[in-house]
PDB file of N, CA and C in Angstrom:
ATOM      1  N   MET A   1      44.662  59.313 184.682  1.00  0.00           N
ATOM      2  CA  MET A   1      45.600  60.406 184.684  1.00  0.00           C
ATOM      3  C   MET A   1      44.844  61.695 184.390  1.00  0.00           C
ATOM      4  N   THR A   2      45.162  62.736 185.151  1.00  0.00           N
ATOM      5  CA  THR A   2      44.526  64.030 184.928  1.00  0.00           C
ATOM      6  C   THR A   2      45.600  65.090 184.750  1.00  0.00           C
ATOM      7  N   ASN A   3      45.234  66.146 184.085  1.00  0.00           N
ATOM      8  CA  ASN A   3      46.144  67.278 183.915  1.00  0.00           C
ATOM      9  C   ASN A   3      45.876  68.287 185.012  1.00  0.00           C
ATOM     10  N   THR A   4      46.919  68.763 185.639  1.00  0.00           N
ATOM     11  CA  THR A   4      46.792  69.735 186.710  1.00  0.00           C
ATOM     12  C   THR A   4      47.682  70.926 186.415  1.00  0.00           C
ATOM     13  N   LEU A   5      47.097  72.118 186.431  1.00  0.00           N
ATOM     14  CA  LEU A   5      47.873  73.334 186.244  1.00  0.00           C
ATOM     15  C   LEU A   5      48.663  73.598 187.514  1.00  0.00           C
ATOM     16  N   ILE A   6      49.981  73.638 187.396  1.00  0.00           N
ATOM     17  CA  ILE A   6      50.834  73.852 188.553  1.00  0.00           C
ATOM     18  C   ILE A   6      51.145  75.337 188.715  1.00  0.00           C
ATOM     19  N   GLN A   7      51.420  75.995 187.622  1.00  0.00           N
ATOM     20  CA  GLN A   7      51.773  77.407 187.675  1.00  0.00           C
ATOM     21  C   GLN A   7      51.402  78.037 186.348  1.00  0.00           C
ATOM     22  N   PHE A   8      50.923  79.257 186.399  1.00  0.00           N
ATOM     23  CA  PHE A   8      50.615  80.008 185.193  1.00  0.00           C
ATOM     24  C   PHE A   8      51.479  81.260 185.183  1.00  0.00           C
ATOM     25  N   HIS A   9      52.082  81.569 184.073  1.00  0.00           N
ATOM     26  CA  HIS A   9      52.825  82.813 183.951  1.00  0.00           C
ATOM     27  C   HIS A   9      52.727  83.296 182.511  1.00  0.00           C
ATOM     28  N   THR A  10      52.888  84.593 182.348  1.00  0.00           N
ATOM     29  CA  THR A  10      52.832  85.163 181.012  1.00  0.00           C
ATOM     30  C   THR A  10      54.207  85.052 180.357  1.00  0.00           C
ATOM     31  N   LEU A  11      54.231  85.178 179.059  1.00  0.00           N
ATOM     32  CA  LEU A  11      55.480  85.120 178.313  1.00  0.00           C
ATOM     33  C   LEU A  11      55.989  86.510 177.962  1.00  0.00           C
ATOM     34  N   ASN A  12      55.517  87.501 178.676  1.00  0.00           N
ATOM     35  CA  ASN A  12      55.956  88.865 178.446  1.00  0.00           C
ATOM     36  C   ASN A  12      57.468  88.949 178.589  1.00  0.00           C
ATOM     37  N   PRO A  13      58.191  89.467 177.647  1.00  0.00           N
ATOM     38  CA  PRO A  13      57.802  90.250 176.477  1.00  0.00           C
ATOM     39  C   PRO A  13      57.721  89.452 175.179  1.00  0.00           C
ATOM     40  N   CYS A  14      57.478  88.171 175.214  1.00  0.00           N
ATOM     41  CA  CYS A  14      57.312  87.378 173.992  1.00  0.00           C
ATOM     42  C   CYS A  14      56.051  87.853 173.287  1.00  0.00           C
ATOM     43  N   SER A  15      56.171  88.250 172.033  1.00  0.00           N
ATOM     44  CA  SER A  15      55.020  88.838 171.342  1.00  0.00           C
ATOM     45  C   SER A  15      54.097  87.794 170.716  1.00  0.00           C
ATOM     46  N   THR A  16      54.646  86.849 169.968  1.00  0.00           N
ATOM     47  CA  THR A  16      53.823  85.856 169.284  1.00  0.00           C
ATOM     48  C   THR A  16      54.505  84.492 169.367  1.00  0.00           C
ATOM     49  N   PRO A  17      54.194  83.699 170.408  1.00  0.00           N
ATOM     50  CA  PRO A  17      54.826  82.385 170.507  1.00  0.00           C
ATOM     51  C   PRO A  17      54.310  81.449 169.422  1.00  0.00           C
ATOM     52  N   VAL A  18      55.236  80.761 168.736  1.00  0.00           N
ATOM     53  CA  VAL A  18      54.850  79.848 167.662  1.00  0.00           C
ATOM     54  C   VAL A  18      55.370  78.427 167.874  1.00  0.00           C
ATOM     55  N   GLY A  19      56.079  78.196 168.963  1.00  0.00           N
ATOM     56  CA  GLY A  19      56.587  76.858 169.237  1.00  0.00           C
ATOM     57  C   GLY A  19      57.082  76.761 170.658  1.00  0.00           C
ATOM     58  N   VAL A  20      56.931  75.589 171.249  1.00  0.00           N
ATOM     59  CA  VAL A  20      57.417  75.362 172.612  1.00  0.00           C
ATOM     60  C   VAL A  20      57.999  73.959 172.689  1.00  0.00           C
ATOM     61  N   SER A  21      59.079  73.817 173.446  1.00  0.00           N
ATOM     62  CA  SER A  21      59.729  72.524 173.596  1.00  0.00           C
ATOM     63  C   SER A  21      60.536  72.532 174.886  1.00  0.00           C
ATOM     64  N   VAL A  22      60.915  71.358 175.356  1.00  0.00           N
ATOM     65  CA  VAL A  22      61.774  71.228 176.527  1.00  0.00           C
ATOM     66  C   VAL A  22      63.091  70.633 176.064  1.00  0.00           C
ATOM     67  N   ASP A  23      64.214  71.289 176.438  1.00  0.00           N
ATOM     68  CA  ASP A  23      65.512  70.790 175.989  1.00  0.00           C
ATOM     69  C   ASP A  23      66.023  69.698 176.926  1.00  0.00           C
ATOM     70  N   ASP A  24      67.180  69.134 176.613  1.00  0.00           N
ATOM     71  CA  ASP A  24      67.704  68.021 177.401  1.00  0.00           C
ATOM     72  C   ASP A  24      68.237  68.445 178.764  1.00  0.00           C
ATOM     73  N   GLU A  25      68.277  69.763 179.039  1.00  0.00           N
ATOM     74  CA  GLU A  25      68.641  70.257 180.363  1.00  0.00           C
ATOM     75  C   GLU A  25      67.408  70.578 181.207  1.00  0.00           C
ATOM     76  N   GLY A  26      66.217  70.433 180.606  1.00  0.00           N
ATOM     77  CA  GLY A  26      64.973  70.704 181.326  1.00  0.00           C
ATOM     78  C   GLY A  26      64.460  72.122 181.184  1.00  0.00           C
ATOM     79  N   TYR A  27      65.153  72.958 180.401  1.00  0.00           N
ATOM     80  CA  TYR A  27      64.678  74.317 180.169  1.00  0.00           C
ATOM     81  C   TYR A  27      63.581  74.312 179.116  1.00  0.00           C
ATOM     82  N   VAL A  28      62.658  75.253 179.246  1.00  0.00           N
ATOM     83  CA  VAL A  28      61.583  75.388 178.279  1.00  0.00           C
ATOM     84  C   VAL A  28      62.022  76.389 177.213  1.00  0.00           C
ATOM     85  N   GLY A  29      61.914  75.991 175.969  1.00  0.00           N
ATOM     86  CA  GLY A  29      62.230  76.882 174.859  1.00  0.00           C
ATOM     87  C   GLY A  29      60.951  77.340 174.195  1.00  0.00           C
ATOM     88  N   VAL A  30      60.827  78.649 173.995  1.00  0.00           N
ATOM     89  CA  VAL A  30      59.666  79.215 173.315  1.00  0.00           C
ATOM     90  C   VAL A  30      60.177  80.041 172.143  1.00  0.00           C
ATOM     91  N   VAL A  31      59.692  79.726 170.961  1.00  0.00           N
ATOM     92  CA  VAL A  31      60.079  80.491 169.774  1.00  0.00           C
ATOM     93  C   VAL A  31      59.075  81.615 169.585  1.00  0.00           C
ATOM     94  N   ASP A  32      59.601  82.828 169.472  1.00  0.00           N
ATOM     95  CA  ASP A  32      58.793  84.009 169.196  1.00  0.00           C
ATOM     96  C   ASP A  32      58.868  84.261 167.692  1.00  0.00           C
ATOM     97  N   GLU A  33      57.738  84.464 167.075  1.00  0.00           N
ATOM     98  CA  GLU A  33      57.701  84.606 165.617  1.00  0.00           C
ATOM     99  C   GLU A  33      58.617  85.709 165.100  1.00  0.00           C
ATOM    100  N   TYR A  34      58.794  86.778 165.855  1.00  0.00           N
ATOM    101  CA  TYR A  34      59.532  87.927 165.336  1.00  0.00           C
ATOM    102  C   TYR A  34      60.848  88.225 166.054  1.00  0.00           C
ATOM    103  N   GLN A  35      61.020  87.759 167.302  1.00  0.00           N
ATOM    104  CA  GLN A  35      62.202  88.163 168.076  1.00  0.00           C
ATOM    105  C   GLN A  35      63.315  87.128 168.097  1.00  0.00           C
ATOM    106  N   GLY A  36      62.992  85.879 168.220  1.00  0.00           N
ATOM    107  CA  GLY A  36      63.994  84.824 168.366  1.00  0.00           C
ATOM    108  C   GLY A  36      63.450  83.715 169.241  1.00  0.00           C
ATOM    109  N   ALA A  37      64.271  83.220 170.150  1.00  0.00           N
ATOM    110  CA  ALA A  37      63.851  82.135 171.026  1.00  0.00           C
ATOM    111  C   ALA A  37      64.129  82.508 172.472  1.00  0.00           C
ATOM    112  N   TRP A  38      63.234  82.083 173.353  1.00  0.00           N
ATOM    113  CA  TRP A  38      63.391  82.304 174.787  1.00  0.00           C
ATOM    114  C   TRP A  38      63.789  80.994 175.443  1.00  0.00           C
ATOM    115  N   LYS A  39      64.756  81.054 176.341  1.00  0.00           N
ATOM    116  CA  LYS A  39      65.137  79.908 177.161  1.00  0.00           C
ATOM    117  C   LYS A  39      64.679  80.228 178.574  1.00  0.00           C
ATOM    118  N   ILE A  40      63.748  79.407 179.093  1.00  0.00           N
ATOM    119  CA  ILE A  40      63.091  79.707 180.366  1.00  0.00           C
ATOM    120  C   ILE A  40      63.403  78.612 181.379  1.00  0.00           C
ATOM    121  N   ASP A  41      63.781  79.028 182.570  1.00  0.00           N
ATOM    122  CA  ASP A  41      64.022  78.104 183.676  1.00  0.00           C
ATOM    123  C   ASP A  41      62.667  77.713 184.264  1.00  0.00           C
ATOM    124  N   PRO A  42      62.265  76.440 184.184  1.00  0.00           N
ATOM    125  CA  PRO A  42      60.936  76.060 184.675  1.00  0.00           C
ATOM    126  C   PRO A  42      60.785  76.196 186.191  1.00  0.00           C
ATOM    127  N   LEU A  43      61.887  76.187 186.929  1.00  0.00           N
ATOM    128  CA  LEU A  43      61.810  76.354 188.377  1.00  0.00           C
ATOM    129  C   LEU A  43      61.713  77.819 188.775  1.00  0.00           C
ATOM    130  N   ASN A  44      62.091  78.705 187.879  1.00  0.00           N
ATOM    131  CA  ASN A  44      61.996  80.147 188.095  1.00  0.00           C
ATOM    132  C   ASN A  44      61.682  80.807 186.763  1.00  0.00           C
ATOM    133  N   PRO A  45      60.401  80.817 186.352  1.00  0.00           N
ATOM    134  CA  PRO A  45      60.033  81.323 185.021  1.00  0.00           C
ATOM    135  C   PRO A  45      60.443  82.765 184.756  1.00  0.00           C
ATOM    136  N   ASN A  46      60.674  83.544 185.801  1.00  0.00           N
ATOM    137  CA  ASN A  46      61.145  84.914 185.575  1.00  0.00           C
ATOM    138  C   ASN A  46      62.594  84.936 185.112  1.00  0.00           C
ATOM    139  N   ASN A  47      63.298  83.831 185.275  1.00  0.00           N
ATOM    140  CA  ASN A  47      64.675  83.697 184.806  1.00  0.00           C
ATOM    141  C   ASN A  47      64.625  83.183 183.368  1.00  0.00           C
ATOM    142  N   LYS A  48      64.593  84.110 182.432  1.00  0.00           N
ATOM    143  CA  LYS A  48      64.520  83.739 181.017  1.00  0.00           C
ATOM    144  C   LYS A  48      65.521  84.549 180.224  1.00  0.00           C
ATOM    145  N   GLN A  49      65.978  83.965 179.145  1.00  0.00           N
ATOM    146  CA  GLN A  49      66.991  84.585 178.307  1.00  0.00           C
ATOM    147  C   GLN A  49      66.512  84.598 176.868  1.00  0.00           C
ATOM    148  N   LEU A  50      66.584  85.755 176.219  1.00  0.00           N
ATOM    149  CA  LEU A  50      66.236  85.865 174.805  1.00  0.00           C
ATOM    150  C   LEU A  50      67.470  85.585 173.961  1.00  0.00           C
ATOM    151  N   LEU A  51      67.311  84.678 173.021  1.00  0.00           N
ATOM    152  CA  LEU A  51      68.349  84.389 172.042  1.00  0.00           C
ATOM    153  C   LEU A  51      67.878  85.003 170.730  1.00  0.00           C
ATOM    154  N   PRO A  52      68.343  86.229 170.407  1.00  0.00           N
ATOM    155  CA  PRO A  52      67.842  86.905 169.204  1.00  0.00           C
ATOM    156  C   PRO A  52      68.227  86.165 167.935  1.00  0.00           C
ATOM    157  N   ILE A  53      67.267  86.055 167.025  1.00  0.00           N
ATOM    158  CA  ILE A  53      67.475  85.399 165.737  1.00  0.00           C
ATOM    159  C   ILE A  53      66.817  86.288 164.681  1.00  0.00           C
ATOM    160  N   ALA A  54      67.537  86.577 163.611  1.00  0.00           N
ATOM    161  CA  ALA A  54      67.020  87.459 162.562  1.00  0.00           C
ATOM    162  C   ALA A  54      65.872  86.811 161.794  1.00  0.00           C
ATOM    163  N   ASN A  55      65.019  87.633 161.227  1.00  0.00           N
ATOM    164  CA  ASN A  55      63.910  87.240 160.345  1.00  0.00           C
ATOM    165  C   ASN A  55      62.729  86.663 161.127  1.00  0.00           C
ATOM    166  N   ASP A  56      61.747  86.129 160.410  1.00  0.00           N
ATOM    167  CA  ASP A  56      60.560  85.534 161.024  1.00  0.00           C
ATOM    168  C   ASP A  56      60.830  84.069 161.334  1.00  0.00           C
ATOM    169  N   HIS A  57      60.106  83.520 162.302  1.00  0.00           N
ATOM    170  CA  HIS A  57      60.380  82.165 162.767  1.00  0.00           C
ATOM    171  C   HIS A  57      59.125  81.309 162.854  1.00  0.00           C
ATOM    172  N   TYR A  58      59.328  80.046 162.679  1.00  0.00           N
ATOM    173  CA  TYR A  58      58.298  79.038 162.918  1.00  0.00           C
ATOM    174  C   TYR A  58      59.033  77.748 163.241  1.00  0.00           C
ATOM    175  N   THR A  59      58.437  76.906 164.044  1.00  0.00           N
ATOM    176  CA  THR A  59      59.101  75.666 164.399  1.00  0.00           C
ATOM    177  C   THR A  59      58.096  74.543 164.581  1.00  0.00           C
ATOM    178  N   TYR A  60      58.591  73.354 164.512  1.00  0.00           N
ATOM    179  CA  TYR A  60      57.829  72.152 164.801  1.00  0.00           C
ATOM    180  C   TYR A  60      58.831  71.065 165.117  1.00  0.00           C
ATOM    181  N   SER A  61      58.390  69.971 165.644  1.00  0.00           N
ATOM    182  CA  SER A  61      59.243  68.833 165.902  1.00  0.00           C
ATOM    183  C   SER A  61      60.295  69.147 166.954  1.00  0.00           C
ATOM    184  N   ASP A  62      61.531  68.734 166.739  1.00  0.00           N
ATOM    185  CA  ASP A  62      62.603  68.826 167.722  1.00  0.00           C
ATOM    186  C   ASP A  62      63.410  70.107 167.561  1.00  0.00           C
ATOM    187  N   MET A  63      62.874  71.206 168.053  1.00  0.00           N
ATOM    188  CA  MET A  63      63.556  72.484 167.866  1.00  0.00           C
ATOM    189  C   MET A  63      64.734  72.679 168.810  1.00  0.00           C
ATOM    190  N   THR A  64      64.843  71.877 169.867  1.00  0.00           N
ATOM    191  CA  THR A  64      65.934  72.066 170.828  1.00  0.00           C
ATOM    192  C   THR A  64      67.132  71.178 170.533  1.00  0.00           C
ATOM    193  N   GLY A  65      66.974  70.166 169.707  1.00  0.00           N
ATOM    194  CA  GLY A  65      68.063  69.247 169.426  1.00  0.00           C
ATOM    195  C   GLY A  65      68.163  68.102 170.418  1.00  0.00           C
ATOM    196  N   GLY A  66      67.317  68.102 171.437  1.00  0.00           N
ATOM    197  CA  GLY A  66      67.354  67.056 172.457  1.00  0.00           C
ATOM    198  C   GLY A  66      67.095  65.672 171.903  1.00  0.00           C
ATOM    199  N   GLN A  67      66.165  65.556 170.973  1.00  0.00           N
ATOM    200  CA  GLN A  67      65.860  64.253 170.380  1.00  0.00           C
ATOM    201  C   GLN A  67      67.011  63.777 169.506  1.00  0.00           C
ATOM    202  N   LEU A  68      67.668  64.699 168.832  1.00  0.00           N
ATOM    203  CA  LEU A  68      68.797  64.335 167.984  1.00  0.00           C
ATOM    204  C   LEU A  68      69.912  63.685 168.807  1.00  0.00           C
ATOM    205  N   LYS A  69      70.103  64.178 170.034  1.00  0.00           N
ATOM    206  CA  LYS A  69      71.146  63.612 170.896  1.00  0.00           C
ATOM    207  C   LYS A  69      70.818  62.201 171.356  1.00  0.00           C
ATOM    208  N   SER A  70      69.552  61.808 171.270  1.00  0.00           N
ATOM    209  CA  SER A  70      69.162  60.474 171.731  1.00  0.00           C
ATOM    210  C   SER A  70      69.250  59.422 170.621  1.00  0.00           C
ATOM    211  N   VAL A  71      69.627  59.834 169.412  1.00  0.00           N
ATOM    212  CA  VAL A  71      69.714  58.884 168.295  1.00  0.00           C
ATOM    213  C   VAL A  71      70.936  57.992 168.463  1.00  0.00           C
ATOM    214  N   VAL A  72      70.720  56.708 168.277  1.00  0.00           N
ATOM    215  CA  VAL A  72      71.814  55.744 168.335  1.00  0.00           C
ATOM    216  C   VAL A  72      72.003  55.188 166.939  1.00  0.00           C
ATOM    217  N   LEU A  73      73.222  55.296 166.429  1.00  0.00           N
ATOM    218  CA  LEU A  73      73.494  54.790 165.097  1.00  0.00           C
ATOM    219  C   LEU A  73      73.582  53.259 165.120  1.00  0.00           C
ATOM    220  N   PRO A  74      73.009  52.604 164.140  1.00  0.00           N
ATOM    221  CA  PRO A  74      73.090  51.144 164.096  1.00  0.00           C
ATOM    222  C   PRO A  74      74.539  50.697 163.888  1.00  0.00           C
ATOM    223  N   MET A  75      74.841  49.544 164.437  1.00  0.00           N
ATOM    224  CA  MET A  75      76.207  49.016 164.300  1.00  0.00           C
ATOM    225  C   MET A  75      76.322  48.114 163.104  1.00  0.00           C
TER     226      MET A  75
END
């Protein structure tokens, strides 16, 4: 298996990306340390939406909630 770059694009106007994840709809989420979170359409990266969030940000693990939706409670 090899890694192949399919497309490169900048995250402008994202100033300082501190986390990236893919949600359960296939959108790419990028957390900006100072502005909030970006929701990016991977088929059209210019189609992105800023979700403003107050204060400074950092993320790790399941920032989109997609993994939480896959949890099955034991019976």
